[in-house]
Full PDB file with SEQRES, HELIX, SHEET, SSBOND, CRYST1, ORIGX, SCALE, CONECT and MASTER records, all heavy atoms in Angstrom:
SEQRES   1 A   30  ASP ILE LYS HIS THR LYS ASP ILE VAL TYR ILE GLN ILE          
SEQRES   2 A   30  THR ALA ALA ILE GLY ARG ASP VAL ASN LYS LYS ARG LYS          
SEQRES   3 A   30  LEU TYR ARG GLN                                              
HELIX    1 AA1 VAL A   21  ARG A   29  1                                   9    
CRYST1    1.000    1.000    1.000  90.00  90.00  90.00 P 1           1          
ORIGX1      1.000000  0.000000  0.000000        0.00000                         
ORIGX2      0.000000  1.000000  0.000000        0.00000                         
ORIGX3      0.000000  0.000000  1.000000        0.00000                         
SCALE1      1.000000  0.000000  0.000000        0.00000                         
SCALE2      0.000000  1.000000  0.000000        0.00000                         
SCALE3      0.000000  0.000000  1.000000        0.00000                         
ATOM      1  N   ASP A   1     -15.006 -19.096 -50.340  1.00  0.00           N  
ATOM      2  CA  ASP A   1     -13.775 -18.332 -50.593  1.00  0.00           C  
ATOM      3  C   ASP A   1     -13.890 -16.861 -50.187  1.00  0.00           C  
ATOM      4  O   ASP A   1     -13.150 -16.018 -50.691  1.00  0.00           O  
ATOM      5  CB  ASP A   1     -13.339 -18.430 -52.056  1.00  0.00           C  
ATOM      6  CG  ASP A   1     -12.946 -19.845 -52.448  1.00  0.00           C  
ATOM      7  OD1 ASP A   1     -12.365 -20.560 -51.598  1.00  0.00           O  
ATOM      8  OD2 ASP A   1     -13.227 -20.242 -53.596  1.00  0.00           O  
ATOM      9  N   ILE A   2     -14.810 -16.547 -49.308  1.00  0.00           N  
ATOM     10  CA  ILE A   2     -14.967 -15.185 -48.795  1.00  0.00           C  
ATOM     11  C   ILE A   2     -14.642 -15.215 -47.309  1.00  0.00           C  
ATOM     12  O   ILE A   2     -15.259 -15.957 -46.545  1.00  0.00           O  
ATOM     13  CB  ILE A   2     -16.407 -14.664 -49.005  1.00  0.00           C  
ATOM     14  CG1 ILE A   2     -16.775 -14.708 -50.484  1.00  0.00           C  
ATOM     15  CG2 ILE A   2     -16.560 -13.257 -48.437  1.00  0.00           C  
ATOM     16  CD1 ILE A   2     -18.242 -14.471 -50.763  1.00  0.00           C  
ATOM     17  N   LYS A   3     -13.671 -14.406 -46.908  1.00  0.00           N  
ATOM     18  CA  LYS A   3     -13.267 -14.349 -45.500  1.00  0.00           C  
ATOM     19  C   LYS A   3     -14.177 -13.383 -44.746  1.00  0.00           C  
ATOM     20  O   LYS A   3     -14.507 -12.306 -45.245  1.00  0.00           O  
ATOM     21  CB  LYS A   3     -11.811 -13.900 -45.393  1.00  0.00           C  
ATOM     22  CG  LYS A   3     -10.853 -14.916 -45.967  1.00  0.00           C  
ATOM     23  CD  LYS A   3      -9.411 -14.484 -45.771  1.00  0.00           C  
ATOM     24  CE  LYS A   3      -8.496 -15.339 -46.589  1.00  0.00           C  
ATOM     25  NZ  LYS A   3      -8.028 -16.518 -46.049  1.00  0.00           N  
ATOM     26  N   HIS A   4     -14.578 -13.802 -43.541  1.00  0.00           N  
ATOM     27  CA  HIS A   4     -15.425 -12.978 -42.692  1.00  0.00           C  
ATOM     28  C   HIS A   4     -14.691 -12.659 -41.393  1.00  0.00           C  
ATOM     29  O   HIS A   4     -13.894 -13.467 -40.916  1.00  0.00           O  
ATOM     30  CB  HIS A   4     -16.741 -13.705 -42.388  1.00  0.00           C  
ATOM     31  CG  HIS A   4     -17.540 -13.975 -43.612  1.00  0.00           C  
ATOM     32  ND1 HIS A   4     -17.727 -15.240 -44.100  1.00  0.00           N  
ATOM     33  CD2 HIS A   4     -18.168 -13.148 -44.469  1.00  0.00           C  
ATOM     34  CE1 HIS A   4     -18.459 -15.185 -45.196  1.00  0.00           C  
ATOM     35  NE2 HIS A   4     -18.733 -13.924 -45.446  1.00  0.00           N  
ATOM     36  N   THR A   5     -15.008 -11.497 -40.832  1.00  0.00           N  
ATOM     37  CA  THR A   5     -14.370 -11.055 -39.590  1.00  0.00           C  
ATOM     38  C   THR A   5     -15.432 -10.721 -38.553  1.00  0.00           C  
ATOM     39  O   THR A   5     -16.638 -10.791 -38.823  1.00  0.00           O  
ATOM     40  CB  THR A   5     -13.497  -9.804 -39.828  1.00  0.00           C  
ATOM     41  OG1 THR A   5     -14.357  -8.670 -40.030  1.00  0.00           O  
ATOM     42  CG2 THR A   5     -12.567  -9.984 -41.025  1.00  0.00           C  
ATOM     43  N   LYS A   6     -14.983 -10.286 -37.404  1.00  0.00           N  
ATOM     44  CA  LYS A   6     -15.881  -9.893 -36.315  1.00  0.00           C  
ATOM     45  C   LYS A   6     -16.746  -8.687 -36.692  1.00  0.00           C  
ATOM     46  O   LYS A   6     -17.705  -8.357 -36.010  1.00  0.00           O  
ATOM     47  CB  LYS A   6     -15.085  -9.574 -35.058  1.00  0.00           C  
ATOM     48  CG  LYS A   6     -14.153  -8.397 -35.224  1.00  0.00           C  
ATOM     49  CD  LYS A   6     -13.421  -8.078 -33.945  1.00  0.00           C  
ATOM     50  CE  LYS A   6     -12.469  -6.924 -34.119  1.00  0.00           C  
ATOM     51  NZ  LYS A   6     -12.962  -5.763 -34.802  1.00  0.00           N  
ATOM     52  N   ASP A   7     -16.437  -8.042 -37.819  1.00  0.00           N  
ATOM     53  CA  ASP A   7     -17.186  -6.872 -38.281  1.00  0.00           C  
ATOM     54  C   ASP A   7     -18.420  -7.247 -39.106  1.00  0.00           C  
ATOM     55  O   ASP A   7     -19.080  -6.363 -39.659  1.00  0.00           O  
ATOM     56  CB  ASP A   7     -16.277  -5.974 -39.131  1.00  0.00           C  
ATOM     57  CG  ASP A   7     -15.127  -5.399 -38.325  1.00  0.00           C  
ATOM     58  OD1 ASP A   7     -15.289  -5.193 -37.108  1.00  0.00           O  
ATOM     59  OD2 ASP A   7     -14.059  -5.174 -38.920  1.00  0.00           O  
ATOM     60  N   ILE A   8     -18.743  -8.517 -39.169  1.00  0.00           N  
ATOM     61  CA  ILE A   8     -19.845  -9.009 -40.005  1.00  0.00           C  
ATOM     62  C   ILE A   8     -21.159  -8.283 -39.692  1.00  0.00           C  
ATOM     63  O   ILE A   8     -21.444  -7.943 -38.546  1.00  0.00           O  
ATOM     64  CB  ILE A   8     -20.000 -10.539 -39.857  1.00  0.00           C  
ATOM     65  CG1 ILE A   8     -20.745 -11.120 -41.036  1.00  0.00           C  
ATOM     66  CG2 ILE A   8     -20.623 -10.908 -38.525  1.00  0.00           C  
ATOM     67  CD1 ILE A   8     -20.561 -12.624 -41.186  1.00  0.00           C  
ATOM     68  N   VAL A   9     -21.925  -8.039 -40.753  1.00  0.00           N  
ATOM     69  CA  VAL A   9     -23.235  -7.396 -40.653  1.00  0.00           C  
ATOM     70  C   VAL A   9     -24.207  -8.223 -41.486  1.00  0.00           C  
ATOM     71  O   VAL A   9     -23.946  -8.514 -42.654  1.00  0.00           O  
ATOM     72  CB  VAL A   9     -23.195  -5.946 -41.198  1.00  0.00           C  
ATOM     73  CG1 VAL A   9     -24.590  -5.342 -41.212  1.00  0.00           C  
ATOM     74  CG2 VAL A   9     -22.239  -5.083 -40.382  1.00  0.00           C  
ATOM     75  N   TYR A  10     -25.328  -8.599 -40.868  1.00  0.00           N  
ATOM     76  CA  TYR A  10     -26.365  -9.349 -41.576  1.00  0.00           C  
ATOM     77  C   TYR A  10     -27.489  -8.391 -41.962  1.00  0.00           C  
ATOM     78  O   TYR A  10     -27.979  -7.630 -41.121  1.00  0.00           O  
ATOM     79  CB  TYR A  10     -26.947 -10.455 -40.690  1.00  0.00           C  
ATOM     80  CG  TYR A  10     -25.969 -11.547 -40.351  1.00  0.00           C  
ATOM     81  CD1 TYR A  10     -25.343 -11.583 -39.109  1.00  0.00           C  
ATOM     82  CD2 TYR A  10     -25.680 -12.553 -41.258  1.00  0.00           C  
ATOM     83  CE1 TYR A  10     -24.445 -12.597 -38.787  1.00  0.00           C  
ATOM     84  CE2 TYR A  10     -24.790 -13.573 -40.936  1.00  0.00           C  
ATOM     85  CZ  TYR A  10     -24.181 -13.585 -39.702  1.00  0.00           C  
ATOM     86  OH  TYR A  10     -23.297 -14.595 -39.394  1.00  0.00           O  
ATOM     87  N   ILE A  11     -27.898  -8.446 -43.220  1.00  0.00           N  
ATOM     88  CA  ILE A  11     -28.985  -7.605 -43.706  1.00  0.00           C  
ATOM     89  C   ILE A  11     -30.032  -8.514 -44.334  1.00  0.00           C  
ATOM     90  O   ILE A  11     -29.745  -9.257 -45.270  1.00  0.00           O  
ATOM     91  CB  ILE A  11     -28.476  -6.577 -44.733  1.00  0.00           C  
ATOM     92  CG1 ILE A  11     -27.438  -5.665 -44.077  1.00  0.00           C  
ATOM     93  CG2 ILE A  11     -29.643  -5.781 -45.306  1.00  0.00           C  
ATOM     94  CD1 ILE A  11     -26.668  -4.818 -45.043  1.00  0.00           C  
ATOM     95  N   GLN A  12     -31.230  -8.454 -43.794  1.00  0.00           N  
ATOM     96  CA  GLN A  12     -32.348  -9.243 -44.315  1.00  0.00           C  
ATOM     97  C   GLN A  12     -33.393  -8.275 -44.833  1.00  0.00           C  
ATOM     98  O   GLN A  12     -33.843  -7.394 -44.102  1.00  0.00           O  
ATOM     99  CB  GLN A  12     -32.933 -10.116 -43.212  1.00  0.00           C  
ATOM    100  CG  GLN A  12     -34.112 -10.942 -43.641  1.00  0.00           C  
ATOM    101  CD  GLN A  12     -34.642 -11.787 -42.495  1.00  0.00           C  
ATOM    102  OE1 GLN A  12     -33.891 -12.382 -41.746  1.00  0.00           O  
ATOM    103  NE2 GLN A  12     -35.942 -11.811 -42.350  1.00  0.00           N  
ATOM    104  N   ILE A  13     -33.755  -8.428 -46.092  1.00  0.00           N  
ATOM    105  CA  ILE A  13     -34.728  -7.547 -46.721  1.00  0.00           C  
ATOM    106  C   ILE A  13     -35.930  -8.382 -47.135  1.00  0.00           C  
ATOM    107  O   ILE A  13     -35.788  -9.362 -47.867  1.00  0.00           O  
ATOM    108  CB  ILE A  13     -34.131  -6.858 -47.961  1.00  0.00           C  
ATOM    109  CG1 ILE A  13     -32.871  -6.057 -47.578  1.00  0.00           C  
ATOM    110  CG2 ILE A  13     -35.174  -5.971 -48.638  1.00  0.00           C  
ATOM    111  CD1 ILE A  13     -32.048  -5.615 -48.772  1.00  0.00           C  
ATOM    112  N   THR A  14     -37.107  -7.994 -46.663  1.00  0.00           N  
ATOM    113  CA  THR A  14     -38.346  -8.624 -47.103  1.00  0.00           C  
ATOM    114  C   THR A  14     -39.031  -7.628 -48.024  1.00  0.00           C  
ATOM    115  O   THR A  14     -39.237  -6.466 -47.655  1.00  0.00           O  
ATOM    116  CB  THR A  14     -39.257  -8.966 -45.908  1.00  0.00           C  
ATOM    117  OG1 THR A  14     -38.533  -9.780 -44.981  1.00  0.00           O  
ATOM    118  CG2 THR A  14     -40.507  -9.693 -46.366  1.00  0.00           C  
ATOM    119  N   ALA A  15     -39.347  -8.062 -49.234  1.00  0.00           N  
ATOM    120  CA  ALA A  15     -39.953  -7.171 -50.224  1.00  0.00           C  
ATOM    121  C   ALA A  15     -40.915  -7.956 -51.098  1.00  0.00           C  
ATOM    122  O   ALA A  15     -40.802  -9.177 -51.221  1.00  0.00           O  
ATOM    123  CB  ALA A  15     -38.863  -6.531 -51.097  1.00  0.00           C  
ATOM    124  N   ALA A  16     -41.832  -7.232 -51.710  1.00  0.00           N  
ATOM    125  CA  ALA A  16     -42.772  -7.865 -52.626  1.00  0.00           C  
ATOM    126  C   ALA A  16     -42.020  -8.436 -53.826  1.00  0.00           C  
ATOM    127  O   ALA A  16     -41.054  -7.858 -54.302  1.00  0.00           O  
ATOM    128  CB  ALA A  16     -43.825  -6.859 -53.080  1.00  0.00           C  
ATOM    129  N   ILE A  17     -42.473  -9.572 -54.282  1.00  0.00           N  
ATOM    130  CA  ILE A  17     -41.860 -10.260 -55.420  1.00  0.00           C  
ATOM    131  C   ILE A  17     -41.998  -9.411 -56.683  1.00  0.00           C  
ATOM    132  O   ILE A  17     -42.931  -8.629 -56.804  1.00  0.00           O  
ATOM    133  CB  ILE A  17     -42.512 -11.647 -55.611  1.00  0.00           C  
ATOM    134  CG1 ILE A  17     -41.661 -12.527 -56.491  1.00  0.00           C  
ATOM    135  CG2 ILE A  17     -43.919 -11.522 -56.107  1.00  0.00           C  
ATOM    136  CD1 ILE A  17     -42.047 -13.994 -56.424  1.00  0.00           C  
ATOM    137  N   GLY A  18     -41.037  -9.567 -57.602  1.00  0.00           N  
ATOM    138  CA  GLY A  18     -41.200  -8.894 -58.875  1.00  0.00           C  
ATOM    139  C   GLY A  18     -39.937  -8.333 -59.497  1.00  0.00           C  
ATOM    140  O   GLY A  18     -39.995  -7.792 -60.590  1.00  0.00           O  
ATOM    141  N   ARG A  19     -38.797  -8.445 -58.830  1.00  0.00           N  
ATOM    142  CA  ARG A  19     -37.562  -7.928 -59.426  1.00  0.00           C  
ATOM    143  C   ARG A  19     -36.773  -9.068 -60.049  1.00  0.00           C  
ATOM    144  O   ARG A  19     -36.713 -10.162 -59.498  1.00  0.00           O  
ATOM    145  CB  ARG A  19     -36.695  -7.233 -58.381  1.00  0.00           C  
ATOM    146  CG  ARG A  19     -37.140  -5.817 -58.073  1.00  0.00           C  
ATOM    147  CD  ARG A  19     -37.938  -5.785 -56.864  1.00  0.00           C  
ATOM    148  NE  ARG A  19     -38.367  -4.428 -56.519  1.00  0.00           N  
ATOM    149  CZ  ARG A  19     -39.139  -4.227 -55.488  1.00  0.00           C  
ATOM    150  NH1 ARG A  19     -39.548  -5.227 -54.749  1.00  0.00           N  
ATOM    151  NH2 ARG A  19     -39.512  -3.006 -55.190  1.00  0.00           N  
ATOM    152  N   ASP A  20     -36.127  -8.792 -61.170  1.00  0.00           N  
ATOM    153  CA  ASP A  20     -35.361  -9.834 -61.829  1.00  0.00           C  
ATOM    154  C   ASP A  20     -33.985  -9.999 -61.169  1.00  0.00           C  
ATOM    155  O   ASP A  20     -33.583  -9.208 -60.319  1.00  0.00           O  
ATOM    156  CB  ASP A  20     -35.243  -9.577 -63.333  1.00  0.00           C  
ATOM    157  CG  ASP A  20     -34.470  -8.312 -63.677  1.00  0.00           C  
ATOM    158  OD1 ASP A  20     -33.533  -7.930 -62.950  1.00  0.00           O  
ATOM    159  OD2 ASP A  20     -34.801  -7.700 -64.710  1.00  0.00           O  
ATOM    160  N   VAL A  21     -33.289 -11.037 -61.588  1.00  0.00           N  
ATOM    161  CA  VAL A  21     -31.991 -11.386 -61.006  1.00  0.00           C  
ATOM    162  C   VAL A  21     -30.988 -10.246 -61.146  1.00  0.00           C  
ATOM    163  O   VAL A  21     -30.219  -9.966 -60.229  1.00  0.00           O  
ATOM    164  CB  VAL A  21     -31.447 -12.690 -61.646  1.00  0.00           C  
ATOM    165  CG1 VAL A  21     -30.022 -12.958 -61.221  1.00  0.00           C  
ATOM    166  CG2 VAL A  21     -32.345 -13.862 -61.299  1.00  0.00           C  
ATOM    167  N   ASN A  22     -30.992  -9.577 -62.284  1.00  0.00           N  
ATOM    168  CA  ASN A  22     -30.056  -8.482 -62.499  1.00  0.00           C  
ATOM    169  C   ASN A  22     -30.285  -7.344 -61.501  1.00  0.00           C  
ATOM    170  O   ASN A  22     -29.343  -6.769 -60.966  1.00  0.00           O  
ATOM    171  CB  ASN A  22     -30.155  -7.968 -63.938  1.00  0.00           C  
ATOM    172  CG  ASN A  22     -29.010  -7.066 -64.304  1.00  0.00           C  
ATOM    173  OD1 ASN A  22     -27.856  -7.336 -63.971  1.00  0.00           O  
ATOM    174  ND2 ASN A  22     -29.331  -5.983 -64.992  1.00  0.00           N  
ATOM    175  N   LYS A  23     -31.544  -6.988 -61.249  1.00  0.00           N  
ATOM    176  CA  LYS A  23     -31.882  -5.949 -60.261  1.00  0.00           C  
ATOM    177  C   LYS A  23     -31.371  -6.345 -58.880  1.00  0.00           C  
ATOM    178  O   LYS A  23     -30.837  -5.522 -58.144  1.00  0.00           O  
ATOM    179  CB  LYS A  23     -33.391  -5.727 -60.202  1.00  0.00           C  
ATOM    180  CG  LYS A  23     -33.910  -4.813 -61.237  1.00  0.00           C  
ATOM    181  CD  LYS A  23     -33.870  -3.407 -60.700  1.00  0.00           C  
ATOM    182  CE  LYS A  23     -34.535  -2.483 -61.680  1.00  0.00           C  
ATOM    183  NZ  LYS A  23     -34.004  -1.150 -61.611  1.00  0.00           N  
ATOM    184  N   LYS A  24     -31.575  -7.606 -58.528  1.00  0.00           N  
ATOM    185  CA  LYS A  24     -31.139  -8.086 -57.217  1.00  0.00           C  
ATOM    186  C   LYS A  24     -29.611  -8.032 -57.114  1.00  0.00           C  
ATOM    187  O   LYS A  24     -29.066  -7.598 -56.097  1.00  0.00           O  
ATOM    188  CB  LYS A  24     -31.646  -9.509 -56.986  1.00  0.00           C  
ATOM    189  CG  LYS A  24     -33.152  -9.587 -56.878  1.00  0.00           C  
ATOM    190  CD  LYS A  24     -33.607 -11.027 -56.822  1.00  0.00           C  
ATOM    191  CE  LYS A  24     -35.111 -11.129 -56.953  1.00  0.00           C  
ATOM    192  NZ  LYS A  24     -35.573 -12.520 -56.916  1.00  0.00           N  
ATOM    193  N   ARG A  25     -28.939  -8.473 -58.158  1.00  0.00           N  
ATOM    194  CA  ARG A  25     -27.469  -8.444 -58.178  1.00  0.00           C  
ATOM    195  C   ARG A  25     -26.963  -7.013 -57.987  1.00  0.00           C  
ATOM    196  O   ARG A  25     -26.045  -6.760 -57.211  1.00  0.00           O  
ATOM    197  CB  ARG A  25     -26.957  -9.027 -59.497  1.00  0.00           C  
ATOM    198  CG  ARG A  25     -25.458  -9.136 -59.579  1.00  0.00           C  
ATOM    199  CD  ARG A  25     -24.996  -9.811 -60.867  1.00  0.00           C  
ATOM    200  NE  ARG A  25     -25.315 -11.243 -60.814  1.00  0.00           N  
ATOM    201  CZ  ARG A  25     -26.133 -11.887 -61.642  1.00  0.00           C  
ATOM    202  NH1 ARG A  25     -26.732 -11.248 -62.618  1.00  0.00           N  
ATOM    203  NH2 ARG A  25     -26.355 -13.176 -61.521  1.00  0.00           N  
ATOM    204  N   LYS A  26     -27.575  -6.062 -58.685  1.00  0.00           N  
ATOM    205  CA  LYS A  26     -27.188  -4.654 -58.559  1.00  0.00           C  
ATOM    206  C   LYS A  26     -27.464  -4.132 -57.150  1.00  0.00           C  
ATOM    207  O   LYS A  26     -26.675  -3.360 -56.598  1.00  0.00           O  
ATOM    208  CB  LYS A  26     -27.930  -3.801 -59.588  1.00  0.00           C  
ATOM    209  CG  LYS A  26     -27.428  -3.985 -60.995  1.00  0.00           C  
ATOM    210  CD  LYS A  26     -28.226  -3.115 -61.950  1.00  0.00           C  
ATOM    211  CE  LYS A  26     -27.733  -3.243 -63.368  1.00  0.00           C  
ATOM    212  NZ  LYS A  26     -28.493  -2.396 -64.296  1.00  0.00           N  
ATOM    213  N   LEU A  27     -28.587  -4.544 -56.568  1.00  0.00           N  
ATOM    214  CA  LEU A  27     -28.910  -4.119 -55.203  1.00  0.00           C  
ATOM    215  C   LEU A  27     -27.844  -4.598 -54.225  1.00  0.00           C  
ATOM    216  O   LEU A  27     -27.341  -3.816 -53.419  1.00  0.00           O  
ATOM    217  CB  LEU A  27     -30.279  -4.651 -54.777  1.00  0.00           C  
ATOM    218  CG  LEU A  27     -30.644  -4.349 -53.319  1.00  0.00           C  
ATOM    219  CD1 LEU A  27     -30.903  -2.863 -53.121  1.00  0.00           C  
ATOM    220  CD2 LEU A  27     -31.844  -5.178 -52.886  1.00  0.00           C  
ATOM    221  N   TYR A  28     -27.491  -5.876 -54.283  1.00  0.00           N  
ATOM    222  CA  TYR A  28     -26.491  -6.422 -53.356  1.00  0.00           C  
ATOM    223  C   TYR A  28     -25.171  -5.675 -53.486  1.00  0.00           C  
ATOM    224  O   TYR A  28     -24.540  -5.307 -52.497  1.00  0.00           O  
ATOM    225  CB  TYR A  28     -26.256  -7.914 -53.610  1.00  0.00           C  
ATOM    226  CG  TYR A  28     -27.496  -8.777 -53.559  1.00  0.00           C  
ATOM    227  CD1 TYR A  28     -27.565  -9.953 -54.295  1.00  0.00           C  
ATOM    228  CD2 TYR A  28     -28.601  -8.433 -52.796  1.00  0.00           C  
ATOM    229  CE1 TYR A  28     -28.689 -10.765 -54.265  1.00  0.00           C  
ATOM    230  CE2 TYR A  28     -29.730  -9.233 -52.761  1.00  0.00           C  
ATOM    231  CZ  TYR A  28     -29.768 -10.393 -53.500  1.00  0.00           C  
ATOM    232  OH  TYR A  28     -30.879 -11.188 -53.464  1.00  0.00           O  
ATOM    233  N   ARG A  29     -24.752  -5.445 -54.718  1.00  0.00           N  
ATOM    234  CA  ARG A  29     -23.491  -4.746 -54.952  1.00  0.00           C  
ATOM    235  C   ARG A  29     -23.562  -3.316 -54.409  1.00  0.00           C  
ATOM    236  O   ARG A  29     -22.642  -2.840 -53.773  1.00  0.00           O  
ATOM    237  CB  ARG A  29     -23.150  -4.735 -56.439  1.00  0.00           C  
ATOM    238  CG  ARG A  29     -21.813  -4.072 -56.734  1.00  0.00           C  
ATOM    239  CD  ARG A  29     -21.295  -4.293 -58.122  1.00  0.00           C  
ATOM    240  NE  ARG A  29     -21.300  -5.665 -58.593  1.00  0.00           N  
ATOM    241  CZ  ARG A  29     -20.441  -6.611 -58.219  1.00  0.00           C  
ATOM    242  NH1 ARG A  29     -19.498  -6.335 -57.364  1.00  0.00           N  
ATOM    243  NH2 ARG A  29     -20.521  -7.819 -58.720  1.00  0.00           N  
ATOM    244  N   GLN A  30     -24.676  -2.637 -54.670  1.00  0.00           N  
ATOM    245  CA  GLN A  30     -24.792  -1.243 -54.241  1.00  0.00           C  
ATOM    246  C   GLN A  30     -24.846  -1.128 -52.718  1.00  0.00           C  
ATOM    247  O   GLN A  30     -24.244  -0.218 -52.146  1.00  0.00           O  
ATOM    248  CB  GLN A  30     -26.021  -0.587 -54.871  1.00  0.00           C  
ATOM    249  CG  GLN A  30     -26.000   0.913 -54.766  1.00  0.00           C  
ATOM    250  CD  GLN A  30     -24.793   1.519 -55.462  1.00  0.00           C  
ATOM    251  OE1 GLN A  30     -24.543   1.252 -56.630  1.00  0.00           O  
ATOM    252  NE2 GLN A  30     -24.012   2.318 -54.746  1.00  0.00           N  
TER     253      GLN A  30                                                      
MASTER        0    0    0    1    0    0    0    6  252    1    0    3          
END                                                                             
């Protein structure tokens, strides 16, 4: 249910393990 356009941007982050789900959720939003 999310519409995508030609302006799409892919971001891949590789990081050391250790952050909880809430931290990850906040990161994506920010």
